[in-house]
PDB file of N, CA and C in Angstrom:
ATOM      1  N   UNK A   1      78.255 187.041 106.901  1.00  0.00           N
ATOM      2  CA  UNK A   1      77.692 185.505 106.189  1.00  0.00           C
ATOM      3  C   UNK A   1      77.872 184.386 107.373  1.00  0.00           C
ATOM      4  N   UNK A   2      78.087 184.788 108.688  1.00  0.00           N
ATOM      5  CA  UNK A   2      77.729 183.443 109.700  1.00  0.00           C
ATOM      6  C   UNK A   2      76.185 183.162 109.406  1.00  0.00           C
ATOM      7  N   UNK A   3      75.573 184.406 109.921  1.00  0.00           N
ATOM      8  CA  UNK A   3      74.089 184.473 110.233  1.00  0.00           C
ATOM      9  C   UNK A   3      73.343 183.807 108.861  1.00  0.00           C
ATOM     10  N   UNK A   4      74.057 184.089 107.636  1.00  0.00           N
ATOM     11  CA  UNK A   4      73.602 183.676 106.512  1.00  0.00           C
ATOM     12  C   UNK A   4      73.340 181.734 106.468  1.00  0.00           C
ATOM     13  N   UNK A   5      74.740 181.738 107.010  1.00  0.00           N
ATOM     14  CA  UNK A   5      75.086 179.960 106.940  1.00  0.00           C
ATOM     15  C   UNK A   5      74.389 179.544 108.069  1.00  0.00           C
ATOM     16  N   UNK A   6      74.201 180.143 109.085  1.00  0.00           N
ATOM     17  CA  UNK A   6      72.692 179.477 110.117  1.00  0.00           C
ATOM     18  C   UNK A   6      71.619 179.237 109.701  1.00  0.00           C
ATOM     19  N   UNK A   7      71.053 180.700 109.122  1.00  0.00           N
ATOM     20  CA  UNK A   7      69.437 180.223 108.779  1.00  0.00           C
ATOM     21  C   UNK A   7      69.705 179.391 107.456  1.00  0.00           C
ATOM     22  N   UNK A   8      70.557 179.470 106.715  1.00  0.00           N
ATOM     23  CA  UNK A   8      70.609 178.387 105.415  1.00  0.00           C
ATOM     24  C   UNK A   8      70.688 176.747 106.138  1.00  0.00           C
ATOM     25  N   UNK A   9      71.561 176.569 106.870  1.00  0.00           N
ATOM     26  CA  UNK A   9      71.327 175.349 107.379  1.00  0.00           C
ATOM     27  C   UNK A   9      69.964 175.219 108.212  1.00  0.00           C
ATOM     28  N   UNK A  10      69.749 175.833 109.196  1.00  0.00           N
ATOM     29  CA  UNK A  10      68.307 175.410 109.553  1.00  0.00           C
ATOM     30  C   UNK A  10      67.435 174.928 108.751  1.00  0.00           C
ATOM     31  N   UNK A  11      67.112 175.898 107.674  1.00  0.00           N
ATOM     32  CA  UNK A  11      66.319 175.734 106.272  1.00  0.00           C
ATOM     33  C   UNK A  11      66.665 174.154 105.568  1.00  0.00           C
ATOM     34  N   UNK A  12      67.802 174.174 105.353  1.00  0.00           N
ATOM     35  CA  UNK A  12      68.617 172.975 104.828  1.00  0.00           C
ATOM     36  C   UNK A  12      67.927 171.624 105.590  1.00  0.00           C
ATOM     37  N   UNK A  13      67.981 171.247 107.000  1.00  0.00           N
ATOM     38  CA  UNK A  13      68.145 170.697 107.674  1.00  0.00           C
ATOM     39  C   UNK A  13      66.174 170.224 108.069  1.00  0.00           C
ATOM     40  N   UNK A  14      65.744 171.366 107.532  1.00  0.00           N
ATOM     41  CA  UNK A  14      64.184 171.214 107.960  1.00  0.00           C
ATOM     42  C   UNK A  14      63.714 170.167 106.435  1.00  0.00           C
ATOM     43  N   UNK A  15      64.786 170.599 105.350  1.00  0.00           N
ATOM     44  CA  UNK A  15      63.868 170.246 103.988  1.00  0.00           C
ATOM     45  C   UNK A  15      64.704 168.552 103.816  1.00  0.00           C
ATOM     46  N   UNK A  16      65.658 168.312 104.401  1.00  0.00           N
ATOM     47  CA  UNK A  16      66.198 167.077 104.222  1.00  0.00           C
ATOM     48  C   UNK A  16      65.689 166.175 105.518  1.00  0.00           C
ATOM     49  N   UNK A  17      65.096 166.721 106.464  1.00  0.00           N
ATOM     50  CA  UNK A  17      64.091 165.800 107.205  1.00  0.00           C
ATOM     51  C   UNK A  17      62.592 165.509 106.683  1.00  0.00           C
ATOM     52  N   UNK A  18      62.584 166.749 106.263  1.00  0.00           N
ATOM     53  CA  UNK A  18      60.952 166.171 105.282  1.00  0.00           C
ATOM     54  C   UNK A  18      61.154 165.599 103.924  1.00  0.00           C
ATOM     55  N   UNK A  19      62.476 165.327 103.258  1.00  0.00           N
ATOM     56  CA  UNK A  19      62.722 164.275 102.204  1.00  0.00           C
ATOM     57  C   UNK A  19      63.178 162.583 102.914  1.00  0.00           C
ATOM     58  N   UNK A  20      63.525 162.755 104.121  1.00  0.00           N
ATOM     59  CA  UNK A  20      63.737 161.543 104.714  1.00  0.00           C
ATOM     60  C   UNK A  20      62.328 160.660 105.161  1.00  0.00           C
ATOM     61  N   UNK A  21      61.210 161.589 105.803  1.00  0.00           N
ATOM     62  CA  UNK A  21      60.017 161.293 106.121  1.00  0.00           C
ATOM     63  C   UNK A  21      59.287 160.870 104.601  1.00  0.00           C
ATOM     64  N   UNK A  22      59.291 161.458 104.011  1.00  0.00           N
ATOM     65  CA  UNK A  22      58.682 161.114 102.522  1.00  0.00           C
ATOM     66  C   UNK A  22      58.995 159.596 102.098  1.00  0.00           C
ATOM     67  N   UNK A  23      60.060 159.613 102.488  1.00  0.00           N
ATOM     68  CA  UNK A  23      61.034 158.231 101.771  1.00  0.00           C
ATOM     69  C   UNK A  23      60.416 157.077 102.351  1.00  0.00           C
ATOM     70  N   UNK A  24      59.712 157.310 104.098  1.00  0.00           N
ATOM     71  CA  UNK A  24      59.259 156.179 104.716  1.00  0.00           C
ATOM     72  C   UNK A  24      58.197 155.892 104.017  1.00  0.00           C
ATOM     73  N   UNK A  25      57.453 156.602 103.694  1.00  0.00           N
ATOM     74  CA  UNK A  25      55.533 156.666 103.309  1.00  0.00           C
ATOM     75  C   UNK A  25      55.589 155.548 102.312  1.00  0.00           C
ATOM     76  N   UNK A  26      54.495 154.823 102.294  1.00  0.00           N
ATOM     77  CA  UNK A  26      54.276 153.475 101.887  1.00  0.00           C
ATOM     78  C   UNK A  26      54.141 153.877 100.445  1.00  0.00           C
ATOM     79  N   UNK A  27      52.932 154.931 100.520  1.00  0.00           N
ATOM     80  CA  UNK A  27      52.222 155.289  98.870  1.00  0.00           C
ATOM     81  C   UNK A  27      53.471 155.816  98.385  1.00  0.00           C
ATOM     82  N   UNK A  28      54.419 156.298  98.456  1.00  0.00           N
ATOM     83  CA  UNK A  28      55.035 156.784  98.130  1.00  0.00           C
ATOM     84  C   UNK A  28      56.487 155.956  97.380  1.00  0.00           C
ATOM     85  N   UNK A  29      56.649 154.936  97.848  1.00  0.00           N
ATOM     86  CA  UNK A  29      57.457 153.574  97.544  1.00  0.00           C
ATOM     87  C   UNK A  29      56.596 152.802  96.462  1.00  0.00           C
ATOM     88  N   UNK A  30      55.290 152.902  96.791  1.00  0.00           N
ATOM     89  CA  UNK A  30      54.770 151.894  96.190  1.00  0.00           C
ATOM     90  C   UNK A  30      54.593 152.705  94.381  1.00  0.00           C
ATOM     91  N   UNK A  31      54.558 153.991  94.294  1.00  0.00           N
ATOM     92  CA  UNK A  31      54.391 154.813  93.142  1.00  0.00           C
ATOM     93  C   UNK A  31      55.917 154.468  92.060  1.00  0.00           C
ATOM     94  N   UNK A  32      57.012 154.627  93.142  1.00  0.00           N
ATOM     95  CA  UNK A  32      58.180 154.575  92.652  1.00  0.00           C
ATOM     96  C   UNK A  32      58.216 154.082  91.072  1.00  0.00           C
ATOM     97  N   UNK A  33      58.194 152.609  90.802  1.00  0.00           N
ATOM     98  CA  UNK A  33      58.210 152.124  89.657  1.00  0.00           C
ATOM     99  C   UNK A  33      57.234 152.821  88.298  1.00  0.00           C
ATOM    100  N   UNK A  34      56.351 153.280  88.642  1.00  0.00           N
ATOM    101  CA  UNK A  34      54.988 153.314  87.835  1.00  0.00           C
ATOM    102  C   UNK A  34      55.508 154.631  87.173  1.00  0.00           C
ATOM    103  N   UNK A  35      56.957 155.361  87.126  1.00  0.00           N
ATOM    104  CA  UNK A  35      56.838 156.306  86.383  1.00  0.00           C
ATOM    105  C   UNK A  35      56.826 157.800  86.960  1.00  0.00           C
ATOM    106  N   UNK A  36      55.458 158.458  86.549  1.00  0.00           N
ATOM    107  CA  UNK A  36      55.350 159.761  87.091  1.00  0.00           C
ATOM    108  C   UNK A  36      54.282 159.946  88.591  1.00  0.00           C
ATOM    109  N   UNK A  37      54.441 158.750  88.678  1.00  0.00           N
ATOM    110  CA  UNK A  37      53.504 158.094  90.228  1.00  0.00           C
ATOM    111  C   UNK A  37      53.817 158.891  91.665  1.00  0.00           C
ATOM    112  N   UNK A  38      55.350 158.884  91.703  1.00  0.00           N
ATOM    113  CA  UNK A  38      55.761 160.104  93.035  1.00  0.00           C
ATOM    114  C   UNK A  38      55.210 161.798  92.195  1.00  0.00           C
ATOM    115  N   UNK A  39      55.467 161.961  91.209  1.00  0.00           N
ATOM    116  CA  UNK A  39      54.679 163.404  90.603  1.00  0.00           C
ATOM    117  C   UNK A  39      53.372 163.927  91.366  1.00  0.00           C
ATOM    118  N   UNK A  40      52.809 162.615  91.072  1.00  0.00           N
ATOM    119  CA  UNK A  40      50.865 162.969  91.511  1.00  0.00           C
ATOM    120  C   UNK A  40      50.837 162.681  92.750  1.00  0.00           C
ATOM    121  N   UNK A  41      51.361 161.879  93.390  1.00  0.00           N
ATOM    122  CA  UNK A  41      51.732 162.016  94.520  1.00  0.00           C
ATOM    123  C   UNK A  41      51.938 163.076  95.474  1.00  0.00           C
ATOM    124  N   UNK A  42      53.231 163.620  94.992  1.00  0.00           N
ATOM    125  CA  UNK A  42      53.446 164.748  95.905  1.00  0.00           C
ATOM    126  C   UNK A  42      52.510 165.543  95.695  1.00  0.00           C
ATOM    127  N   UNK A  43      51.782 166.081  93.846  1.00  0.00           N
ATOM    128  CA  UNK A  43      50.984 167.054  94.009  1.00  0.00           C
ATOM    129  C   UNK A  43      50.104 166.866  94.951  1.00  0.00           C
ATOM    130  N   UNK A  44      49.263 165.563  95.474  1.00  0.00           N
ATOM    131  CA  UNK A  44      48.171 165.190  95.921  1.00  0.00           C
ATOM    132  C   UNK A  44      48.519 165.599  97.521  1.00  0.00           C
ATOM    133  N   UNK A  45      50.234 165.686  97.946  1.00  0.00           N
ATOM    134  CA  UNK A  45      50.211 165.844  98.995  1.00  0.00           C
ATOM    135  C   UNK A  45      50.428 167.452  99.662  1.00  0.00           C
ATOM    136  N   UNK A  46      50.802 168.232  98.612  1.00  0.00           N
ATOM    137  CA  UNK A  46      50.793 169.339  98.603  1.00  0.00           C
ATOM    138  C   UNK A  46      49.547 170.019  99.110  1.00  0.00           C
ATOM    139  N   UNK A  47      48.622 169.400  98.339  1.00  0.00           N
ATOM    140  CA  UNK A  47      46.843 169.960  97.886  1.00  0.00           C
ATOM    141  C   UNK A  47      46.871 170.025  99.285  1.00  0.00           C
ATOM    142  N   UNK A  48      46.628 168.557 100.254  1.00  0.00           N
ATOM    143  CA  UNK A  48      46.292 168.558 101.042  1.00  0.00           C
ATOM    144  C   UNK A  48      46.722 169.351 102.107  1.00  0.00           C
ATOM    145  N   UNK A  49      48.048 169.448 102.110  1.00  0.00           N
ATOM    146  CA  UNK A  49      49.067 170.541 103.168  1.00  0.00           C
ATOM    147  C   UNK A  49      48.373 171.674 103.095  1.00  0.00           C
ATOM    148  N   UNK A  50      48.580 172.494 101.962  1.00  0.00           N
ATOM    149  CA  UNK A  50      47.837 173.685 101.787  1.00  0.00           C
ATOM    150  C   UNK A  50      46.247 174.033 101.733  1.00  0.00           C
ATOM    151  N   UNK A  51      45.517 172.794 102.157  1.00  0.00           N
ATOM    152  CA  UNK A  51      44.259 173.090 102.224  1.00  0.00           C
ATOM    153  C   UNK A  51      44.238 172.734 103.828  1.00  0.00           C
ATOM    154  N   UNK A  52      45.022 172.605 104.721  1.00  0.00           N
ATOM    155  CA  UNK A  52      44.910 171.895 105.672  1.00  0.00           C
ATOM    156  C   UNK A  52      45.260 173.378 106.454  1.00  0.00           C
ATOM    157  N   UNK A  53      46.430 174.164 105.363  1.00  0.00           N
ATOM    158  CA  UNK A  53      47.306 175.265 106.042  1.00  0.00           C
ATOM    159  C   UNK A  53      45.721 176.510 106.080  1.00  0.00           C
ATOM    160  N   UNK A  54      45.072 176.226 104.840  1.00  0.00           N
ATOM    161  CA  UNK A  54      43.904 177.096 104.350  1.00  0.00           C
ATOM    162  C   UNK A  54      43.015 177.355 105.634  1.00  0.00           C
ATOM    163  N   UNK A  55      42.947 175.948 106.106  1.00  0.00           N
ATOM    164  CA  UNK A  55      41.468 176.289 107.532  1.00  0.00           C
ATOM    165  C   UNK A  55      40.408 176.222 106.910  1.00  0.00           C
TER     166      UNK A  55
END
């Protein structure tokens, strides 16, 4: 159980840090009042990320 908690803590820390960084991005702050703008911005970011991983 301790090993599971340790790995869960590491993953959670990465996710929390990622969310904290995303909140500082101006593009996401500007999209927030426009309804589903954040959703579209996140899809674009995910696509760019996947594109860079694919090389």
